Amino acid sequence: MSTTIPRLERPKQPAKAVKPGTPATSQTASGRQSQRWLAWIFLAPTILGMGLFTLVPIAASVVLAFFRWDIISAPTFVGFDNFAEVVQDPTVRVSFLNTIAFVIVAVALQLGLALALAVMVQEKMPAWLRTFFRSAFFFPLILSAASVSIFMRYLFNEQFGVVNWFLSLAGIPAVPWLTTPGGSAAVVILVYVWQNFGFSFLLFIGGLASIPVETYEAAALDGATGWRKHVYVTLPLLSPTTLLASVMAIISALQVFDQPYVLTRGGPGDSTRTAVMVIFESAFQRLEFGEASAIGVILTLIIMAITAAQFRLSKRFVFYQ
């Protein structure tokens, strides 16, 4: 009778703790250090670009607003004289009033049109047609504003424009679109909204896609159908997107330049002259860079104040899921 001798296993030795300063630890530390240096190397072009082409010009503009400089002669410190002259200049006042009126009308049309089209495209169209309209509505945004304005200037020409030609087919006399204050303002707003509403449209498309379907189903059980569904469900849940779209639309509209400059040169008179156009004319036509910088500082402060007010008021009308 054979007996089986149990096999004795050698007890395992406990793992020794690695003390700081060992080769493995130093290798890990050096690896992390190299990763940090690699990250800084990749970030360096962006940081340098922002510093040289954004931060430095902003600081230079603020400093230059307190000087009188025409490039030819040396800068002369004048304190707040540039700001005093800007406030008393009737052309500057009219340009700021035109800009504010433009912002109110253009932003309202841009956001309203973008929201209405986004709701229609998101709900009542097949997927392939939805993709087509997303691309079609966004396409004008990637075009040059100057080239679009030149094209529109020919379309709205009083003598040979296509728009007046179609109106003549209906027996309507030619409309002086670009030679009257009302007509020129309407054309500038129309061209600007047409070219820029696509960005707000995409923002609203993304916001609508993020609303859960179950929310609409629950609202339907409570009797919220048709327009009530959008009033009591869509608009409240879309309020964060509306805040973002409105902030970006107002900032962009306050800096409008290409459309009024190419279409009307600010005319007739000063009816379509904007704040950025006055900055351009002061700096590059009259070589009054100090005054132009002062106008730019005032416009920047207005943009910051309006944006801060929007975020302050957003606590009342923005609802997060």
C-alpha atoms as a PDB file:
ATOM      1  CA  MET A   1       0.000   0.000   0.000  1.00  0.00           C
ATOM      2  CA  SER A   2       1.496   3.237  -1.166  1.00  0.00           C
ATOM      3  CA  THR A   3       1.209   6.408   0.779  1.00  0.00           C
ATOM      4  CA  THR A   4       1.134   9.866  -0.747  1.00  0.00           C
ATOM      5  CA  ILE A   5       3.468  12.315   0.815  1.00  0.00           C
ATOM      6  CA  PRO A   6       1.910  15.824   0.837  1.00  0.00           C
ATOM      7  CA  ARG A   7       3.850  18.375  -1.122  1.00  0.00           C
ATOM      8  CA  LEU A   8       5.136  21.214   0.969  1.00  0.00           C
ATOM      9  CA  GLU A   9       4.910  24.620  -0.670  1.00  0.00           C
ATOM     10  CA  ARG A  10       7.410  27.240   0.031  1.00  0.00           C
ATOM     11  CA  PRO A  11       5.855  30.174   1.867  1.00  0.00           C
ATOM     12  CA  LYS A  12       5.605  33.334  -0.246  1.00  0.00           C
ATOM     13  CA  GLN A  13       7.758  36.221   0.804  1.00  0.00           C
ATOM     14  CA  PRO A  14       5.896  39.482   1.356  1.00  0.00           C
ATOM     15  CA  ALA A  15       6.553  42.108  -1.316  1.00  0.00           C
ATOM     16  CA  LYS A  16       9.027  44.650  -0.242  1.00  0.00           C
ATOM     17  CA  ALA A  17       7.863  48.234  -0.216  1.00  0.00           C
ATOM     18  CA  VAL A  18       9.576  50.436  -2.738  1.00  0.00           C
ATOM     19  CA  LYS A  19      11.340  53.236  -0.953  1.00  0.00           C
ATOM     20  CA  PRO A  20      11.366  56.726  -2.370  1.00  0.00           C
ATOM     21  CA  GLY A  21      14.386  57.427  -4.451  1.00  0.00           C
ATOM     22  CA  THR A  22      14.555  53.966  -5.982  1.00  0.00           C
ATOM     23  CA  PRO A  23      15.160  53.721  -9.746  1.00  0.00           C
ATOM     24  CA  ALA A  24      11.480  52.848 -10.468  1.00  0.00           C
ATOM     25  CA  THR A  25      10.192  55.920  -8.642  1.00  0.00           C
ATOM     26  CA  SER A  26      12.701  58.247 -10.248  1.00  0.00           C
ATOM     27  CA  GLN A  27      11.836  56.805 -13.644  1.00  0.00           C
ATOM     28  CA  THR A  28       8.122  57.511 -13.052  1.00  0.00           C
ATOM     29  CA  ALA A  29       8.863  61.063 -11.914  1.00  0.00           C
ATOM     30  CA  SER A  30      11.028  61.721 -14.952  1.00  0.00           C
ATOM     31  CA  GLY A  31       8.284  60.354 -17.200  1.00  0.00           C
ATOM     32  CA  ARG A  32       5.743  62.730 -15.703  1.00  0.00           C
ATOM     33  CA  GLN A  33       8.152  65.615 -16.077  1.00  0.00           C
ATOM     34  CA  SER A  34       8.709  64.803 -19.732  1.00  0.00           C
ATOM     35  CA  GLN A  35       4.926  64.665 -20.261  1.00  0.00           C
ATOM     36  CA  ARG A  36       4.583  68.123 -18.728  1.00  0.00           C
ATOM     37  CA  TRP A  37       7.274  69.501 -21.018  1.00  0.00           C
ATOM     38  CA  LEU A  38       5.623  67.821 -23.999  1.00  0.00           C
ATOM     39  CA  ALA A  39       2.269  69.393 -23.068  1.00  0.00           C
ATOM     40  CA  TRP A  40       3.873  72.841 -22.827  1.00  0.00           C
ATOM     41  CA  ILE A  41       5.535  72.341 -26.202  1.00  0.00           C
ATOM     42  CA  PHE A  42       2.173  71.614 -27.839  1.00  0.00           C
ATOM     43  CA  LEU A  43       0.486  74.516 -26.032  1.00  0.00           C
ATOM     44  CA  ALA A  44       3.247  77.004 -26.831  1.00  0.00           C
ATOM     45  CA  PRO A  45       2.058  77.963 -30.370  1.00  0.00           C
ATOM     46  CA  THR A  46      -1.483  78.659 -29.139  1.00  0.00           C
ATOM     47  CA  ILE A  47      -0.299  80.623 -26.111  1.00  0.00           C
ATOM     48  CA  LEU A  48       2.152  82.645 -28.179  1.00  0.00           C
ATOM     49  CA  GLY A  49      -0.464  83.283 -30.863  1.00  0.00           C
ATOM     50  CA  MET A  50      -3.048  84.481 -28.350  1.00  0.00           C
ATOM     51  CA  GLY A  51      -0.475  86.627 -26.606  1.00  0.00           C
ATOM     52  CA  LEU A  52       0.925  88.264 -29.732  1.00  0.00           C
ATOM     53  CA  PHE A  53      -2.260  88.667 -31.746  1.00  0.00           C
ATOM     54  CA  THR A  54      -4.916  89.092 -29.027  1.00  0.00           C
ATOM     55  CA  LEU A  55      -3.605  90.169 -25.631  1.00  0.00           C
ATOM     56  CA  VAL A  56      -0.875  92.502 -26.873  1.00  0.00           C
ATOM     57  CA  PRO A  57      -3.174  94.374 -29.333  1.00  0.00           C
ATOM     58  CA  ILE A  58      -5.837  94.732 -26.623  1.00  0.00           C
ATOM     59  CA  ALA A  59      -3.340  96.187 -24.174  1.00  0.00           C
ATOM     60  CA  ALA A  60      -1.878  98.450 -26.871  1.00  0.00           C
ATOM     61  CA  SER A  61      -5.337  99.734 -27.802  1.00  0.00           C
ATOM     62  CA  VAL A  62      -6.154 100.572 -24.197  1.00  0.00           C
ATOM     63  CA  VAL A  63      -2.858 102.447 -23.785  1.00  0.00           C
ATOM     64  CA  LEU A  64      -3.194 104.175 -27.159  1.00  0.00           C
ATOM     65  CA  ALA A  65      -6.639 105.505 -26.191  1.00  0.00           C
ATOM     66  CA  PHE A  66      -4.860 107.995 -23.895  1.00  0.00           C
ATOM     67  CA  PHE A  67      -2.534 109.264 -26.641  1.00  0.00           C
ATOM     68  CA  ARG A  68      -2.862 111.271 -29.825  1.00  0.00           C
ATOM     69  CA  TRP A  69      -0.990 109.508 -32.610  1.00  0.00           C
ATOM     70  CA  ASP A  70      -1.068 109.679 -36.407  1.00  0.00           C
ATOM     71  CA  ILE A  71       1.810 107.226 -37.134  1.00  0.00           C
ATOM     72  CA  ILE A  72       3.894 110.030 -38.659  1.00  0.00           C
ATOM     73  CA  SER A  73       4.647 111.973 -35.472  1.00  0.00           C
ATOM     74  CA  ALA A  74       5.474 110.698 -31.996  1.00  0.00           C
ATOM     75  CA  PRO A  75       2.565 109.800 -29.687  1.00  0.00           C
ATOM     76  CA  THR A  76       1.408 112.587 -27.369  1.00  0.00           C
ATOM     77  CA  PHE A  77      -0.239 111.847 -24.049  1.00  0.00           C
ATOM     78  CA  VAL A  78      -3.622 113.577 -23.838  1.00  0.00           C
ATOM     79  CA  GLY A  79      -5.279 111.744 -20.946  1.00  0.00           C
ATOM     80  CA  PHE A  80      -9.052 111.461 -21.339  1.00  0.00           C
ATOM     81  CA  ASP A  81      -9.284 114.031 -24.165  1.00  0.00           C
ATOM     82  CA  ASN A  82      -9.941 111.330 -26.750  1.00  0.00           C
ATOM     83  CA  PHE A  83     -12.871 110.006 -24.741  1.00  0.00           C
ATOM     84  CA  ALA A  84     -14.249 113.546 -24.313  1.00  0.00           C
ATOM     85  CA  GLU A  85     -14.036 114.188 -28.065  1.00  0.00           C
ATOM     86  CA  VAL A  86     -15.680 110.853 -28.843  1.00  0.00           C
ATOM     87  CA  VAL A  87     -18.609 111.542 -26.525  1.00  0.00           C
ATOM     88  CA  GLN A  88     -19.153 114.988 -28.073  1.00  0.00           C
ATOM     89  CA  ASP A  89     -18.835 113.783 -31.682  1.00  0.00           C
ATOM     90  CA  PRO A  90     -22.341 113.565 -33.253  1.00  0.00           C
ATOM     91  CA  THR A  91     -21.178 111.017 -35.833  1.00  0.00           C
ATOM     92  CA  VAL A  92     -19.994 108.674 -33.091  1.00  0.00           C
ATOM     93  CA  ARG A  93     -23.273 109.050 -31.196  1.00  0.00           C
ATOM     94  CA  VAL A  94     -25.306 108.314 -34.325  1.00  0.00           C
ATOM     95  CA  SER A  95     -23.154 105.293 -35.120  1.00  0.00           C
ATOM     96  CA  PHE A  96     -23.687 103.820 -31.657  1.00  0.00           C
ATOM     97  CA  LEU A  97     -27.437 104.438 -31.868  1.00  0.00           C
ATOM     98  CA  ASN A  98     -27.485 102.769 -35.291  1.00  0.00           C
ATOM     99  CA  THR A  99     -25.538  99.836 -33.894  1.00  0.00           C
ATOM    100  CA  ILE A 100     -27.927  99.366 -30.970  1.00  0.00           C
ATOM    101  CA  ALA A 101     -30.966  99.556 -33.262  1.00  0.00           C
ATOM    102  CA  PHE A 102     -29.326  97.102 -35.638  1.00  0.00           C
ATOM    103  CA  VAL A 103     -28.607  94.680 -32.783  1.00  0.00           C
ATOM    104  CA  ILE A 104     -32.208  94.757 -31.526  1.00  0.00           C
ATOM    105  CA  VAL A 105     -33.756  94.036 -34.924  1.00  0.00           C
ATOM    106  CA  ALA A 106     -31.100  91.716 -36.376  1.00  0.00           C
ATOM    107  CA  VAL A 107     -30.681  89.535 -33.279  1.00  0.00           C
ATOM    108  CA  ALA A 108     -34.447  89.174 -32.832  1.00  0.00           C
ATOM    109  CA  LEU A 109     -34.856  88.098 -36.467  1.00  0.00           C
ATOM    110  CA  GLN A 110     -31.810  85.839 -36.345  1.00  0.00           C
ATOM    111  CA  LEU A 111     -32.849  83.955 -33.214  1.00  0.00           C
ATOM    112  CA  GLY A 112     -36.534  83.789 -34.166  1.00  0.00           C
ATOM    113  CA  LEU A 113     -35.828  82.476 -37.658  1.00  0.00           C
ATOM    114  CA  ALA A 114     -33.209  80.011 -36.413  1.00  0.00           C
ATOM    115  CA  LEU A 115     -35.500  78.628 -33.693  1.00  0.00           C
ATOM    116  CA  ALA A 116     -38.505  78.281 -36.006  1.00  0.00           C
ATOM    117  CA  LEU A 117     -36.509  76.481 -38.691  1.00  0.00           C
ATOM    118  CA  ALA A 118     -34.781  74.268 -36.127  1.00  0.00           C
ATOM    119  CA  VAL A 119     -38.122  73.100 -34.721  1.00  0.00           C
ATOM    120  CA  MET A 120     -39.472  72.397 -38.203  1.00  0.00           C
ATOM    121  CA  VAL A 121     -36.373  70.530 -39.358  1.00  0.00           C
ATOM    122  CA  GLN A 122     -36.031  68.519 -36.160  1.00  0.00           C
ATOM    123  CA  GLU A 123     -39.640  67.304 -36.039  1.00  0.00           C
ATOM    124  CA  LYS A 124     -41.272  67.171 -39.432  1.00  0.00           C
ATOM    125  CA  MET A 125     -38.610  65.957 -41.850  1.00  0.00           C
ATOM    126  CA  PRO A 126     -36.898  62.655 -42.659  1.00  0.00           C
ATOM    127  CA  ALA A 127     -33.276  62.197 -41.664  1.00  0.00           C
ATOM    128  CA  TRP A 128     -31.766  62.731 -45.137  1.00  0.00           C
ATOM    129  CA  LEU A 129     -33.718  65.946 -45.690  1.00  0.00           C
ATOM    130  CA  ARG A 130     -32.795  67.102 -42.190  1.00  0.00           C
ATOM    131  CA  THR A 131     -29.104  66.651 -43.012  1.00  0.00           C
ATOM    132  CA  PHE A 132     -29.526  68.580 -46.249  1.00  0.00           C
ATOM    133  CA  PHE A 133     -31.117  71.588 -44.563  1.00  0.00           C
ATOM    134  CA  ARG A 134     -28.499  71.627 -41.815  1.00  0.00           C
ATOM    135  CA  SER A 135     -25.779  71.962 -44.422  1.00  0.00           C
ATOM    136  CA  ALA A 136     -27.761  74.420 -46.565  1.00  0.00           C
ATOM    137  CA  PHE A 137     -28.533  76.788 -43.691  1.00  0.00           C
ATOM    138  CA  PHE A 138     -24.962  76.705 -42.378  1.00  0.00           C
ATOM    139  CA  PHE A 139     -23.345  77.197 -45.788  1.00  0.00           C
ATOM    140  CA  PRO A 140     -23.701  81.037 -45.963  1.00  0.00           C
ATOM    141  CA  LEU A 141     -21.714  81.341 -42.737  1.00  0.00           C
ATOM    142  CA  ILE A 142     -18.552  79.936 -44.310  1.00  0.00           C
ATOM    143  CA  LEU A 143     -18.673  82.436 -47.173  1.00  0.00           C
ATOM    144  CA  SER A 144     -16.806  85.721 -47.113  1.00  0.00           C
ATOM    145  CA  ALA A 145     -19.021  88.508 -45.788  1.00  0.00           C
ATOM    146  CA  ALA A 146     -17.492  90.959 -48.253  1.00  0.00           C
ATOM    147  CA  SER A 147     -18.130  88.735 -51.287  1.00  0.00           C
ATOM    148  CA  VAL A 148     -21.700  88.044 -50.175  1.00  0.00           C
ATOM    149  CA  SER A 149     -22.309  91.769 -49.686  1.00  0.00           C
ATOM    150  CA  ILE A 150     -20.959  92.571 -53.156  1.00  0.00           C
ATOM    151  CA  PHE A 151     -23.285  89.966 -54.674  1.00  0.00           C
ATOM    152  CA  MET A 152     -26.263  91.301 -52.706  1.00  0.00           C
ATOM    153  CA  ARG A 153     -25.426  94.834 -53.780  1.00  0.00           C
ATOM    154  CA  TYR A 154     -26.027  93.806 -57.376  1.00  0.00           C
ATOM    155  CA  LEU A 155     -29.205  91.952 -56.488  1.00  0.00           C
ATOM    156  CA  PHE A 156     -30.710  95.016 -54.795  1.00  0.00           C
ATOM    157  CA  ASN A 157     -29.514  97.555 -57.344  1.00  0.00           C
ATOM    158  CA  GLU A 158     -32.318  99.960 -58.251  1.00  0.00           C
ATOM    159  CA  GLN A 159     -31.682 100.001 -62.025  1.00  0.00           C
ATOM    160  CA  PHE A 160     -30.648  96.447 -62.934  1.00  0.00           C
ATOM    161  CA  GLY A 161     -31.089  94.417 -59.733  1.00  0.00           C
ATOM    162  CA  VAL A 162     -32.808  91.046 -59.879  1.00  0.00           C
ATOM    163  CA  VAL A 163     -35.053  91.899 -56.919  1.00  0.00           C
ATOM    164  CA  ASN A 164     -36.577  94.910 -58.641  1.00  0.00           C
ATOM    165  CA  TRP A 165     -36.896  92.899 -61.856  1.00  0.00           C
ATOM    166  CA  PHE A 166     -39.100  90.348 -60.074  1.00  0.00           C
ATOM    167  CA  LEU A 167     -41.090  93.185 -58.495  1.00  0.00           C
ATOM    168  CA  SER A 168     -41.643  94.702 -61.940  1.00  0.00           C
ATOM    169  CA  LEU A 169     -43.201  91.432 -63.096  1.00  0.00           C
ATOM    170  CA  ALA A 170     -45.842  91.949 -60.425  1.00  0.00           C
ATOM    171  CA  GLY A 171     -46.388  95.560 -61.468  1.00  0.00           C
ATOM    172  CA  ILE A 172     -44.504  97.039 -58.512  1.00  0.00           C
ATOM    173  CA  PRO A 173     -42.261 100.027 -59.333  1.00  0.00           C
ATOM    174  CA  ALA A 174     -38.542  99.876 -58.671  1.00  0.00           C
ATOM    175  CA  VAL A 175     -37.612 100.258 -55.015  1.00  0.00           C
ATOM    176  CA  PRO A 176     -34.531 102.373 -54.145  1.00  0.00           C
ATOM    177  CA  TRP A 177     -33.160  99.776 -51.752  1.00  0.00           C
ATOM    178  CA  LEU A 178     -29.673 101.204 -51.236  1.00  0.00           C
ATOM    179  CA  THR A 179     -30.342 104.935 -51.682  1.00  0.00           C
ATOM    180  CA  THR A 180     -32.905 105.562 -48.929  1.00  0.00           C
ATOM    181  CA  PRO A 181     -32.329 105.276 -45.158  1.00  0.00           C
ATOM    182  CA  GLY A 182     -35.103 102.746 -44.595  1.00  0.00           C
ATOM    183  CA  GLY A 183     -34.300 100.619 -47.619  1.00  0.00           C
ATOM    184  CA  SER A 184     -30.562 100.503 -46.968  1.00  0.00           C
ATOM    185  CA  ALA A 185     -31.071  99.579 -43.303  1.00  0.00           C
ATOM    186  CA  ALA A 186     -33.487  96.811 -44.302  1.00  0.00           C
ATOM    187  CA  VAL A 187     -31.031  95.377 -46.852  1.00  0.00           C
ATOM    188  CA  VAL A 188     -28.127  95.441 -44.373  1.00  0.00           C
ATOM    189  CA  ILE A 189     -30.205  93.630 -41.752  1.00  0.00           C
ATOM    190  CA  LEU A 190     -31.527  91.122 -44.294  1.00  0.00           C
ATOM    191  CA  VAL A 191     -28.077  90.257 -45.627  1.00  0.00           C
ATOM    192  CA  TYR A 192     -26.585  89.976 -42.131  1.00  0.00           C
ATOM    193  CA  VAL A 193     -29.362  87.728 -40.818  1.00  0.00           C
ATOM    194  CA  TRP A 194     -29.275  85.514 -43.902  1.00  0.00           C
ATOM    195  CA  GLN A 195     -25.556  84.938 -43.527  1.00  0.00           C
ATOM    196  CA  ASN A 196     -25.412  84.458 -39.750  1.00  0.00           C
ATOM    197  CA  PHE A 197     -28.591  82.672 -38.661  1.00  0.00           C
ATOM    198  CA  GLY A 198     -27.104  79.286 -39.614  1.00  0.00           C
ATOM    199  CA  PHE A 199     -24.890  79.224 -36.524  1.00  0.00           C
ATOM    200  CA  SER A 200     -27.829  79.870 -34.202  1.00  0.00           C
ATOM    201  CA  PHE A 201     -29.785  77.273 -36.161  1.00  0.00           C
ATOM    202  CA  LEU A 202     -27.182  74.597 -35.412  1.00  0.00           C
ATOM    203  CA  LEU A 203     -27.125  75.567 -31.730  1.00  0.00           C
ATOM    204  CA  PHE A 204     -30.895  75.166 -31.515  1.00  0.00           C
ATOM    205  CA  ILE A 205     -30.715  71.851 -33.388  1.00  0.00           C
ATOM    206  CA  GLY A 206     -28.281  70.559 -30.760  1.00  0.00           C
ATOM    207  CA  GLY A 207     -30.454  71.871 -27.938  1.00  0.00           C
ATOM    208  CA  LEU A 208     -33.588  70.246 -29.336  1.00  0.00           C
ATOM    209  CA  ALA A 209     -31.794  66.929 -29.757  1.00  0.00           C
ATOM    210  CA  SER A 210     -30.806  66.983 -26.073  1.00  0.00           C
ATOM    211  CA  ILE A 211     -34.423  67.225 -24.841  1.00  0.00           C
ATOM    212  CA  PRO A 212     -35.602  63.725 -23.795  1.00  0.00           C
ATOM    213  CA  VAL A 213     -38.482  62.243 -25.776  1.00  0.00           C
ATOM    214  CA  GLU A 214     -40.043  61.079 -22.503  1.00  0.00           C
ATOM    215  CA  THR A 215     -40.580  64.701 -21.543  1.00  0.00           C
ATOM    216  CA  TYR A 216     -42.759  65.295 -24.598  1.00  0.00           C
ATOM    217  CA  GLU A 217     -44.628  62.050 -23.970  1.00  0.00           C
ATOM    218  CA  ALA A 218     -45.371  63.050 -20.386  1.00  0.00           C
ATOM    219  CA  ALA A 219     -46.488  66.482 -21.557  1.00  0.00           C
ATOM    220  CA  ALA A 220     -48.790  64.883 -24.148  1.00  0.00           C
ATOM    221  CA  LEU A 221     -50.443  62.826 -21.407  1.00  0.00           C
ATOM    222  CA  ASP A 222     -51.112  66.074 -19.566  1.00  0.00           C
ATOM    223  CA  GLY A 223     -52.704  67.584 -22.663  1.00  0.00           C
ATOM    224  CA  ALA A 224     -49.768  69.696 -23.878  1.00  0.00           C
ATOM    225  CA  THR A 225     -49.885  69.201 -27.633  1.00  0.00           C
ATOM    226  CA  GLY A 226     -49.268  71.427 -30.635  1.00  0.00           C
ATOM    227  CA  TRP A 227     -48.037  74.903 -29.765  1.00  0.00           C
ATOM    228  CA  ARG A 228     -48.548  74.282 -26.027  1.00  0.00           C
ATOM    229  CA  LYS A 229     -45.852  71.604 -26.188  1.00  0.00           C
ATOM    230  CA  HIS A 230     -43.330  74.131 -27.447  1.00  0.00           C
ATOM    231  CA  VAL A 231     -44.405  76.889 -25.057  1.00  0.00           C
ATOM    232  CA  TYR A 232     -44.389  74.793 -21.873  1.00  0.00           C
ATOM    233  CA  VAL A 233     -41.742  72.182 -22.718  1.00  0.00           C
ATOM    234  CA  THR A 234     -39.466  73.179 -25.596  1.00  0.00           C
ATOM    235  CA  LEU A 235     -38.790  76.812 -24.701  1.00  0.00           C
ATOM    236  CA  PRO A 236     -38.038  76.246 -20.991  1.00  0.00           C
ATOM    237  CA  LEU A 237     -35.739  73.272 -21.649  1.00  0.00           C
ATOM    238  CA  LEU A 238     -34.104  75.150 -24.523  1.00  0.00           C
ATOM    239  CA  SER A 239     -33.365  78.219 -22.400  1.00  0.00           C
ATOM    240  CA  PRO A 240     -29.639  77.367 -21.830  1.00  0.00           C
ATOM    241  CA  THR A 241     -29.151  77.112 -25.584  1.00  0.00           C
ATOM    242  CA  THR A 242     -31.111  80.328 -26.096  1.00  0.00           C
ATOM    243  CA  LEU A 243     -28.831  82.098 -23.622  1.00  0.00           C
ATOM    244  CA  LEU A 244     -25.707  80.929 -25.473  1.00  0.00           C
ATOM    245  CA  ALA A 245     -27.141  81.795 -28.880  1.00  0.00           C
ATOM    246  CA  SER A 246     -28.274  85.253 -27.753  1.00  0.00           C
ATOM    247  CA  VAL A 247     -24.936  86.098 -26.120  1.00  0.00           C
ATOM    248  CA  MET A 248     -22.950  85.137 -29.208  1.00  0.00           C
ATOM    249  CA  ALA A 249     -25.432  86.800 -31.590  1.00  0.00           C
ATOM    250  CA  ILE A 250     -25.375  90.115 -29.696  1.00  0.00           C
ATOM    251  CA  ILE A 251     -21.579  90.160 -29.462  1.00  0.00           C
ATOM    252  CA  SER A 252     -21.310  89.497 -33.198  1.00  0.00           C
ATOM    253  CA  ALA A 253     -23.973  92.066 -34.150  1.00  0.00           C
ATOM    254  CA  LEU A 254     -22.343  94.798 -32.057  1.00  0.00           C
ATOM    255  CA  GLN A 255     -19.217  94.354 -34.175  1.00  0.00           C
ATOM    256  CA  VAL A 256     -20.956  94.415 -37.567  1.00  0.00           C
ATOM    257  CA  PHE A 257     -18.803  96.010 -40.258  1.00  0.00           C
ATOM    258  CA  ASP A 258     -18.605  94.123 -43.562  1.00  0.00           C
ATOM    259  CA  GLN A 259     -22.250  94.305 -44.629  1.00  0.00           C
ATOM    260  CA  PRO A 260     -22.882  98.049 -44.074  1.00  0.00           C
ATOM    261  CA  TYR A 261     -19.442  99.022 -45.348  1.00  0.00           C
ATOM    262  CA  VAL A 262     -19.680  97.097 -48.620  1.00  0.00           C
ATOM    263  CA  LEU A 263     -23.391  97.633 -49.252  1.00  0.00           C
ATOM    264  CA  THR A 264     -23.866 101.292 -48.353  1.00  0.00           C
ATOM    265  CA  ARG A 265     -20.542 102.743 -47.066  1.00  0.00           C
ATOM    266  CA  GLY A 266     -22.581 103.852 -44.050  1.00  0.00           C
ATOM    267  CA  GLY A 267     -25.052 105.868 -46.100  1.00  0.00           C
ATOM    268  CA  PRO A 268     -27.175 107.432 -47.198  1.00  0.00           C
ATOM    269  CA  GLY A 269     -25.894 110.029 -44.778  1.00  0.00           C
ATOM    270  CA  ASP A 270     -25.099 108.224 -41.549  1.00  0.00           C
ATOM    271  CA  SER A 271     -28.174 105.986 -41.562  1.00  0.00           C
ATOM    272  CA  THR A 272     -26.225 102.707 -41.663  1.00  0.00           C
ATOM    273  CA  ARG A 273     -22.903 103.802 -40.161  1.00  0.00           C
ATOM    274  CA  THR A 274     -21.946 101.526 -37.254  1.00  0.00           C
ATOM    275  CA  ALA A 275     -19.481 101.825 -34.380  1.00  0.00           C
ATOM    276  CA  VAL A 276     -16.857  99.598 -35.994  1.00  0.00           C
ATOM    277  CA  MET A 277     -17.102 101.606 -39.209  1.00  0.00           C
ATOM    278  CA  VAL A 278     -16.298 104.776 -37.251  1.00  0.00           C
ATOM    279  CA  ILE A 279     -13.298 103.002 -35.703  1.00  0.00           C
ATOM    280  CA  PHE A 280     -12.087 102.038 -39.178  1.00  0.00           C
ATOM    281  CA  GLU A 281     -12.594 105.528 -40.591  1.00  0.00           C
ATOM    282  CA  SER A 282     -10.904 107.223 -37.632  1.00  0.00           C
ATOM    283  CA  ALA A 283      -7.863 104.944 -37.741  1.00  0.00           C
ATOM    284  CA  PHE A 284      -7.233 104.270 -41.416  1.00  0.00           C
ATOM    285  CA  GLN A 285      -8.748 107.288 -43.167  1.00  0.00           C
ATOM    286  CA  ARG A 286      -8.083 110.161 -40.747  1.00  0.00           C
ATOM    287  CA  LEU A 287      -5.093 108.508 -38.988  1.00  0.00           C
ATOM    288  CA  GLU A 288      -6.532 109.344 -35.577  1.00  0.00           C
ATOM    289  CA  PHE A 289      -5.504 106.130 -33.854  1.00  0.00           C
ATOM    290  CA  GLY A 290      -5.985 107.470 -30.357  1.00  0.00           C
ATOM    291  CA  GLU A 291      -9.602 108.388 -31.042  1.00  0.00           C
ATOM    292  CA  ALA A 292     -10.196 105.057 -32.776  1.00  0.00           C
ATOM    293  CA  SER A 293      -8.783 103.222 -29.763  1.00  0.00           C
ATOM    294  CA  ALA A 294     -11.029 105.223 -27.440  1.00  0.00           C
ATOM    295  CA  ILE A 295     -14.097 104.230 -29.471  1.00  0.00           C
ATOM    296  CA  GLY A 296     -12.925 100.616 -29.392  1.00  0.00           C
ATOM    297  CA  VAL A 297     -12.538 100.725 -25.605  1.00  0.00           C
ATOM    298  CA  ILE A 298     -16.043 102.159 -25.221  1.00  0.00           C
ATOM    299  CA  LEU A 299     -17.492  99.494 -27.526  1.00  0.00           C
ATOM    300  CA  THR A 300     -15.682  96.758 -25.581  1.00  0.00           C
ATOM    301  CA  LEU A 301     -17.077  98.052 -22.290  1.00  0.00           C
ATOM    302  CA  ILE A 302     -20.584  98.097 -23.779  1.00  0.00           C
ATOM    303  CA  ILE A 303     -20.187  94.496 -24.965  1.00  0.00           C
ATOM    304  CA  MET A 304     -18.944  93.410 -21.545  1.00  0.00           C
ATOM    305  CA  ALA A 305     -21.797  95.223 -19.773  1.00  0.00           C
ATOM    306  CA  ILE A 306     -24.481  93.692 -22.005  1.00  0.00           C
ATOM    307  CA  THR A 307     -22.999  90.201 -21.646  1.00  0.00           C
ATOM    308  CA  ALA A 308     -22.786  90.551 -17.860  1.00  0.00           C
ATOM    309  CA  ALA A 309     -26.416  91.722 -17.767  1.00  0.00           C
ATOM    310  CA  GLN A 310     -27.483  88.716 -19.842  1.00  0.00           C
ATOM    311  CA  PHE A 311     -25.829  86.271 -17.462  1.00  0.00           C
ATOM    312  CA  ARG A 312     -27.250  88.146 -14.485  1.00  0.00           C
ATOM    313  CA  LEU A 313     -30.778  87.991 -15.894  1.00  0.00           C
ATOM    314  CA  SER A 314     -30.309  84.355 -16.937  1.00  0.00           C
ATOM    315  CA  LYS A 315     -30.827  83.278 -13.330  1.00  0.00           C
ATOM    316  CA  ARG A 316     -34.507  84.141 -13.779  1.00  0.00           C
ATOM    317  CA  PHE A 317     -35.338  82.613 -17.151  1.00  0.00           C
ATOM    318  CA  VAL A 318     -32.770  79.842 -17.733  1.00  0.00           C
ATOM    319  CA  PHE A 319     -33.793  76.374 -16.536  1.00  0.00           C
ATOM    320  CA  TYR A 320     -31.324  73.511 -16.404  1.00  0.00           C
ATOM    321  CA  GLN A 321     -32.423  69.890 -16.521  1.00  0.00           C
END
